[in-house]
PDB file of N, CA and C in Angstrom:
ATOM      1  N   MET A   1     -20.870 -12.026  22.850  1.00  0.00           N
ATOM      2  CA  MET A   1     -19.990 -12.278  22.034  1.00  0.00           C
ATOM      3  C   MET A   1     -20.889 -12.033  20.721  1.00  0.00           C
ATOM      4  N   LYS A   2     -22.499 -12.128  20.898  1.00  0.00           N
ATOM      5  CA  LYS A   2     -23.072 -11.619  19.358  1.00  0.00           C
ATOM      6  C   LYS A   2     -22.880 -10.269  18.966  1.00  0.00           C
ATOM      7  N   GLN A   3     -22.409  -9.046  19.601  1.00  0.00           N
ATOM      8  CA  GLN A   3     -22.228  -8.407  19.094  1.00  0.00           C
ATOM      9  C   GLN A   3     -20.786  -7.862  18.458  1.00  0.00           C
ATOM     10  N   MET A   4     -19.618  -8.912  19.055  1.00  0.00           N
ATOM     11  CA  MET A   4     -18.195  -8.964  17.904  1.00  0.00           C
ATOM     12  C   MET A   4     -18.345  -9.836  17.435  1.00  0.00           C
ATOM     13  N   ILE A   5     -19.812 -10.939  16.744  1.00  0.00           N
ATOM     14  CA  ILE A   5     -20.430 -11.645  15.369  1.00  0.00           C
ATOM     15  C   ILE A   5     -20.739 -10.681  14.654  1.00  0.00           C
ATOM     16  N   LYS A   6     -22.230 -10.103  14.925  1.00  0.00           N
ATOM     17  CA  LYS A   6     -22.373  -8.987  14.041  1.00  0.00           C
ATOM     18  C   LYS A   6     -21.130  -7.672  13.779  1.00  0.00           C
ATOM     19  N   ILE A   7     -20.234  -7.356  14.667  1.00  0.00           N
ATOM     20  CA  ILE A   7     -19.639  -6.712  14.451  1.00  0.00           C
ATOM     21  C   ILE A   7     -18.336  -6.914  13.242  1.00  0.00           C
ATOM     22  N   ILE A   8     -17.907  -8.688  13.074  1.00  0.00           N
ATOM     23  CA  ILE A   8     -17.589  -9.107  11.909  1.00  0.00           C
ATOM     24  C   ILE A   8     -18.157  -9.227  10.804  1.00  0.00           C
ATOM     25  N   ARG A   9     -19.153  -9.332  10.533  1.00  0.00           N
ATOM     26  CA  ARG A   9     -20.158  -9.620   9.764  1.00  0.00           C
ATOM     27  C   ARG A   9     -20.448  -8.266   8.831  1.00  0.00           C
ATOM     28  N   LYS A  10     -20.232  -7.563   9.753  1.00  0.00           N
ATOM     29  CA  LYS A  10     -20.271  -5.999   9.166  1.00  0.00           C
ATOM     30  C   LYS A  10     -19.140  -5.781   8.132  1.00  0.00           C
ATOM     31  N   VAL A  11     -17.874  -5.748   8.756  1.00  0.00           N
ATOM     32  CA  VAL A  11     -16.516  -5.617   8.030  1.00  0.00           C
ATOM     33  C   VAL A  11     -16.472  -6.447   7.085  1.00  0.00           C
ATOM     34  N   ASP A  12     -17.213  -7.512   7.211  1.00  0.00           N
ATOM     35  CA  ASP A  12     -16.876  -8.450   6.132  1.00  0.00           C
ATOM     36  C   ASP A  12     -17.674  -8.229   4.744  1.00  0.00           C
ATOM     37  N   ILE A  13     -18.990  -7.456   4.812  1.00  0.00           N
ATOM     38  CA  ILE A  13     -20.139  -7.117   3.721  1.00  0.00           C
ATOM     39  C   ILE A  13     -19.554  -5.524   3.579  1.00  0.00           C
ATOM     40  N   GLU A  14     -18.694  -4.930   4.133  1.00  0.00           N
ATOM     41  CA  GLU A  14     -17.772  -3.587   3.875  1.00  0.00           C
ATOM     42  C   GLU A  14     -16.700  -4.520   2.814  1.00  0.00           C
ATOM     43  N   LYS A  15     -16.193  -5.120   3.457  1.00  0.00           N
ATOM     44  CA  LYS A  15     -15.050  -5.677   2.547  1.00  0.00           C
ATOM     45  C   LYS A  15     -15.518  -6.249   1.001  1.00  0.00           C
ATOM     46  N   GLN A  16     -16.291  -6.792   0.944  1.00  0.00           N
ATOM     47  CA  GLN A  16     -17.520  -7.108  -0.290  1.00  0.00           C
ATOM     48  C   GLN A  16     -17.595  -5.989  -1.175  1.00  0.00           C
ATOM     49  N   TYR A  17     -18.605  -5.439  -0.118  1.00  0.00           N
ATOM     50  CA  TYR A  17     -18.690  -3.986  -1.072  1.00  0.00           C
ATOM     51  C   TYR A  17     -17.796  -3.696  -1.938  1.00  0.00           C
ATOM     52  N   GLU A  18     -16.702  -2.928  -1.103  1.00  0.00           N
ATOM     53  CA  GLU A  18     -15.411  -2.145  -1.448  1.00  0.00           C
ATOM     54  C   GLU A  18     -14.821  -3.127  -3.087  1.00  0.00           C
ATOM     55  N   HIS A  19     -14.683  -4.552  -2.471  1.00  0.00           N
ATOM     56  CA  HIS A  19     -14.619  -5.540  -3.666  1.00  0.00           C
ATOM     57  C   HIS A  19     -15.162  -5.021  -4.863  1.00  0.00           C
ATOM     58  N   VAL A  20     -16.650  -5.264  -4.645  1.00  0.00           N
ATOM     59  CA  VAL A  20     -17.490  -4.812  -5.771  1.00  0.00           C
ATOM     60  C   VAL A  20     -17.312  -3.593  -6.619  1.00  0.00           C
ATOM     61  N   LEU A  21     -17.267  -2.450  -5.901  1.00  0.00           N
ATOM     62  CA  LEU A  21     -17.089  -1.085  -6.123  1.00  0.00           C
ATOM     63  C   LEU A  21     -15.837  -0.723  -6.525  1.00  0.00           C
ATOM     64  N   ARG A  22     -14.417  -1.465  -6.603  1.00  0.00           N
ATOM     65  CA  ARG A  22     -13.426  -1.332  -7.254  1.00  0.00           C
ATOM     66  C   ARG A  22     -13.469  -2.624  -8.574  1.00  0.00           C
ATOM     67  N   LEU A  23     -14.338  -3.552  -8.879  1.00  0.00           N
ATOM     68  CA  LEU A  23     -14.286  -3.829 -10.160  1.00  0.00           C
ATOM     69  C   LEU A  23     -15.365  -2.882 -11.134  1.00  0.00           C
ATOM     70  N   GLU A  24     -15.827  -2.221 -10.627  1.00  0.00           N
ATOM     71  CA  GLU A  24     -17.028  -1.171 -11.743  1.00  0.00           C
ATOM     72  C   GLU A  24     -16.189  -0.205 -11.446  1.00  0.00           C
ATOM     73  N   LEU A  25     -15.021   0.188 -10.861  1.00  0.00           N
ATOM     74  CA  LEU A  25     -14.011   1.135 -10.918  1.00  0.00           C
ATOM     75  C   LEU A  25     -13.322   0.450 -12.656  1.00  0.00           C
ATOM     76  N   ASP A  26     -12.916  -0.593 -12.216  1.00  0.00           N
ATOM     77  CA  ASP A  26     -12.152  -0.919 -13.711  1.00  0.00           C
ATOM     78  C   ASP A  26     -13.033  -1.094 -14.964  1.00  0.00           C
ATOM     79  N   TYR A  27     -13.355  -1.040 -14.484  1.00  0.00           N
ATOM     80  CA  TYR A  27     -14.752  -1.989 -16.082  1.00  0.00           C
ATOM     81  C   TYR A  27     -15.386  -0.523 -16.571  1.00  0.00           C
ATOM     82  N   GLU A  28     -15.919   1.357 -15.701  1.00  0.00           N
ATOM     83  CA  GLU A  28     -15.746   2.364 -16.011  1.00  0.00           C
ATOM     84  C   GLU A  28     -14.818   3.075 -16.357  1.00  0.00           C
ATOM     85  N   LEU A  29     -13.530   2.335 -15.816  1.00  0.00           N
ATOM     86  CA  LEU A  29     -12.241   3.073 -17.016  1.00  0.00           C
ATOM     87  C   LEU A  29     -12.051   2.474 -17.947  1.00  0.00           C
ATOM     88  N   ALA A  30     -11.881   0.853 -18.063  1.00  0.00           N
ATOM     89  CA  ALA A  30     -12.322   0.680 -19.681  1.00  0.00           C
ATOM     90  C   ALA A  30     -13.458   1.080 -20.336  1.00  0.00           C
ATOM     91  N   SER A  31     -14.390   1.611 -20.165  1.00  0.00           N
ATOM     92  CA  SER A  31     -15.535   1.736 -21.158  1.00  0.00           C
ATOM     93  C   SER A  31     -14.906   3.456 -21.385  1.00  0.00           C
ATOM     94  N   LEU A  32     -14.415   4.212 -20.574  1.00  0.00           N
ATOM     95  CA  LEU A  32     -14.211   5.195 -20.642  1.00  0.00           C
ATOM     96  C   LEU A  32     -12.722   5.384 -22.036  1.00  0.00           C
ATOM     97  N   TYR A  33     -11.710   4.463 -21.402  1.00  0.00           N
ATOM     98  CA  TYR A  33     -10.454   4.303 -22.296  1.00  0.00           C
ATOM     99  C   TYR A  33     -11.627   4.286 -23.845  1.00  0.00           C
ATOM    100  N   SER A  34     -12.237   3.185 -23.705  1.00  0.00           N
ATOM    101  CA  SER A  34     -12.950   3.234 -25.672  1.00  0.00           C
ATOM    102  C   SER A  34     -13.767   3.641 -25.636  1.00  0.00           C
ATOM    103  N   ALA A  35     -14.446   4.716 -24.969  1.00  0.00           N
ATOM    104  CA  ALA A  35     -15.341   6.214 -25.358  1.00  0.00           C
ATOM    105  C   ALA A  35     -14.445   6.835 -25.818  1.00  0.00           C
ATOM    106  N   MET A  36     -13.157   6.966 -25.238  1.00  0.00           N
ATOM    107  CA  MET A  36     -12.219   8.178 -25.798  1.00  0.00           C
ATOM    108  C   MET A  36     -11.623   7.883 -27.046  1.00  0.00           C
ATOM    109  N   GLN A  37     -11.179   6.322 -27.488  1.00  0.00           N
ATOM    110  CA  GLN A  37     -10.958   6.227 -28.483  1.00  0.00           C
ATOM    111  C   GLN A  37     -11.654   6.382 -29.883  1.00  0.00           C
ATOM    112  N   GLU A  38     -12.967   5.933 -29.382  1.00  0.00           N
ATOM    113  CA  GLU A  38     -13.843   6.541 -30.207  1.00  0.00           C
ATOM    114  C   GLU A  38     -14.532   7.751 -30.630  1.00  0.00           C
ATOM    115  N   ASN A  39     -13.735   8.796 -29.379  1.00  0.00           N
ATOM    116  CA  ASN A  39     -14.302   9.726 -29.725  1.00  0.00           C
ATOM    117  C   ASN A  39     -15.597  10.198 -29.160  1.00  0.00           C
ATOM    118  N   ASN A  40     -16.052   9.549 -28.179  1.00  0.00           N
ATOM    119  CA  ASN A  40     -17.630   9.413 -27.862  1.00  0.00           C
ATOM    120  C   ASN A  40     -17.728  10.449 -26.758  1.00  0.00           C
ATOM    121  N   GLU A  41     -18.115  12.055 -26.608  1.00  0.00           N
ATOM    122  CA  GLU A  41     -18.451  12.926 -25.794  1.00  0.00           C
ATOM    123  C   GLU A  41     -19.087  12.583 -24.841  1.00  0.00           C
ATOM    124  N   GLU A  42     -20.589  11.856 -25.629  1.00  0.00           N
ATOM    125  CA  GLU A  42     -21.661  11.290 -24.379  1.00  0.00           C
ATOM    126  C   GLU A  42     -21.108  10.218 -23.401  1.00  0.00           C
ATOM    127  N   GLU A  43     -20.528   9.124 -24.259  1.00  0.00           N
ATOM    128  CA  GLU A  43     -20.194   8.220 -23.276  1.00  0.00           C
ATOM    129  C   GLU A  43     -18.976   8.691 -22.639  1.00  0.00           C
ATOM    130  N   MET A  44     -18.106   9.375 -22.815  1.00  0.00           N
ATOM    131  CA  MET A  44     -17.153   9.347 -21.922  1.00  0.00           C
ATOM    132  C   MET A  44     -17.761  10.582 -20.344  1.00  0.00           C
ATOM    133  N   GLU A  45     -19.047  11.373 -20.384  1.00  0.00           N
ATOM    134  CA  GLU A  45     -19.199  12.683 -19.628  1.00  0.00           C
ATOM    135  C   GLU A  45     -20.179  10.527 -18.619  1.00  0.00           C
ATOM    136  N   LYS A  46     -21.018   9.989 -19.873  1.00  0.00           N
ATOM    137  CA  LYS A  46     -21.685   8.831 -18.585  1.00  0.00           C
ATOM    138  C   LYS A  46     -19.958   8.137 -17.708  1.00  0.00           C
ATOM    139  N   CYS A  47     -19.305   8.013 -18.319  1.00  0.00           N
ATOM    140  CA  CYS A  47     -18.533   7.589 -17.556  1.00  0.00           C
ATOM    141  C   CYS A  47     -17.835   8.293 -16.943  1.00  0.00           C
ATOM    142  N   LYS A  48     -17.303   9.168 -17.000  1.00  0.00           N
ATOM    143  CA  LYS A  48     -16.933   9.596 -15.514  1.00  0.00           C
ATOM    144  C   LYS A  48     -17.707  10.275 -14.510  1.00  0.00           C
ATOM    145  N   LYS A  49     -19.381  10.411 -14.930  1.00  0.00           N
ATOM    146  CA  LYS A  49     -20.019  10.699 -13.727  1.00  0.00           C
ATOM    147  C   LYS A  49     -19.900   9.547 -13.007  1.00  0.00           C
ATOM    148  N   ARG A  50     -20.141   8.211 -12.994  1.00  0.00           N
ATOM    149  CA  ARG A  50     -20.191   6.932 -12.651  1.00  0.00           C
ATOM    150  C   ARG A  50     -18.740   6.823 -11.863  1.00  0.00           C
ATOM    151  N   LEU A  51     -17.724   7.060 -12.954  1.00  0.00           N
ATOM    152  CA  LEU A  51     -16.221   7.282 -11.593  1.00  0.00           C
ATOM    153  C   LEU A  51     -16.597   8.178 -10.533  1.00  0.00           C
ATOM    154  N   LYS A  52     -17.019   9.269 -10.994  1.00  0.00           N
ATOM    155  CA  LYS A  52     -17.085  10.172  -9.378  1.00  0.00           C
ATOM    156  C   LYS A  52     -18.258   9.169  -8.056  1.00  0.00           C
ATOM    157  N   GLU A  53     -18.851   8.707  -8.925  1.00  0.00           N
ATOM    158  CA  GLU A  53     -20.410   8.391  -7.688  1.00  0.00           C
ATOM    159  C   GLU A  53     -19.134   6.983  -7.176  1.00  0.00           C
ATOM    160  N   ILE A  54     -18.294   6.176  -7.982  1.00  0.00           N
ATOM    161  CA  ILE A  54     -18.005   5.563  -7.353  1.00  0.00           C
ATOM    162  C   ILE A  54     -17.020   6.167  -6.091  1.00  0.00           C
ATOM    163  N   GLN A  55     -16.322   6.865  -6.946  1.00  0.00           N
ATOM    164  CA  GLN A  55     -15.194   7.435  -6.093  1.00  0.00           C
ATOM    165  C   GLN A  55     -15.657   8.018  -4.360  1.00  0.00           C
ATOM    166  N   ASP A  56     -16.576   8.611  -4.561  1.00  0.00           N
ATOM    167  CA  ASP A  56     -17.547   9.162  -3.419  1.00  0.00           C
ATOM    168  C   ASP A  56     -17.883   8.035  -2.459  1.00  0.00           C
ATOM    169  N   GLU A  57     -18.475   6.875  -3.657  1.00  0.00           N
ATOM    170  CA  GLU A  57     -19.007   5.805  -2.499  1.00  0.00           C
ATOM    171  C   GLU A  57     -17.393   5.497  -1.514  1.00  0.00           C
ATOM    172  N   LEU A  58     -16.195   5.364  -2.230  1.00  0.00           N
ATOM    173  CA  LEU A  58     -14.961   4.536  -1.620  1.00  0.00           C
ATOM    174  C   LEU A  58     -14.435   5.339  -0.664  1.00  0.00           C
ATOM    175  N   ASP A  59     -14.862   6.285  -0.796  1.00  0.00           N
ATOM    176  CA  ASP A  59     -14.358   8.040  -0.243  1.00  0.00           C
ATOM    177  C   ASP A  59     -15.021   7.849   1.474  1.00  0.00           C
ATOM    178  N   GLY A  60     -16.879   7.347   1.285  1.00  0.00           N
ATOM    179  CA  GLY A  60     -17.377   6.916   2.530  1.00  0.00           C
ATOM    180  C   GLY A  60     -16.775   5.952   2.950  1.00  0.00           C
ATOM    181  N   LEU A  61     -16.903   4.740   2.388  1.00  0.00           N
ATOM    182  CA  LEU A  61     -16.150   3.797   2.833  1.00  0.00           C
ATOM    183  C   LEU A  61     -14.769   3.652   4.017  1.00  0.00           C
ATOM    184  N   HIS A  62     -14.240   4.159   3.440  1.00  0.00           N
ATOM    185  CA  HIS A  62     -12.828   4.756   3.877  1.00  0.00           C
ATOM    186  C   HIS A  62     -13.038   5.504   5.524  1.00  0.00           C
ATOM    187  N   ALA A  63     -14.356   6.431   5.482  1.00  0.00           N
ATOM    188  CA  ALA A  63     -14.591   7.476   6.216  1.00  0.00           C
ATOM    189  C   ALA A  63     -14.563   6.447   7.660  1.00  0.00           C
ATOM    190  N   TYR A  64     -15.129   5.201   7.614  1.00  0.00           N
ATOM    191  CA  TYR A  64     -15.172   4.814   8.691  1.00  0.00           C
ATOM    192  C   TYR A  64     -14.131   3.355   9.031  1.00  0.00           C
ATOM    193  N   VAL A  65     -12.830   4.009   8.288  1.00  0.00           N
ATOM    194  CA  VAL A  65     -12.631   2.881   8.895  1.00  0.00           C
ATOM    195  C   VAL A  65     -11.150   3.475   9.745  1.00  0.00           C
TER     196      VAL A  65
END
């Protein structure tokens, strides 16, 4: 029974983490759009780098599903 509870908690934590990553993804996309509007190359590169990191983290989460 304890193992089942542990597994359920782990799944819940992973779902919450995925939700946070998706919120970060939305924020970075909005930041990238803003940087593109301003033609700010430096900010665009920072946003792209963070977007790639978020994508990698999400891919890692889905690898275990």
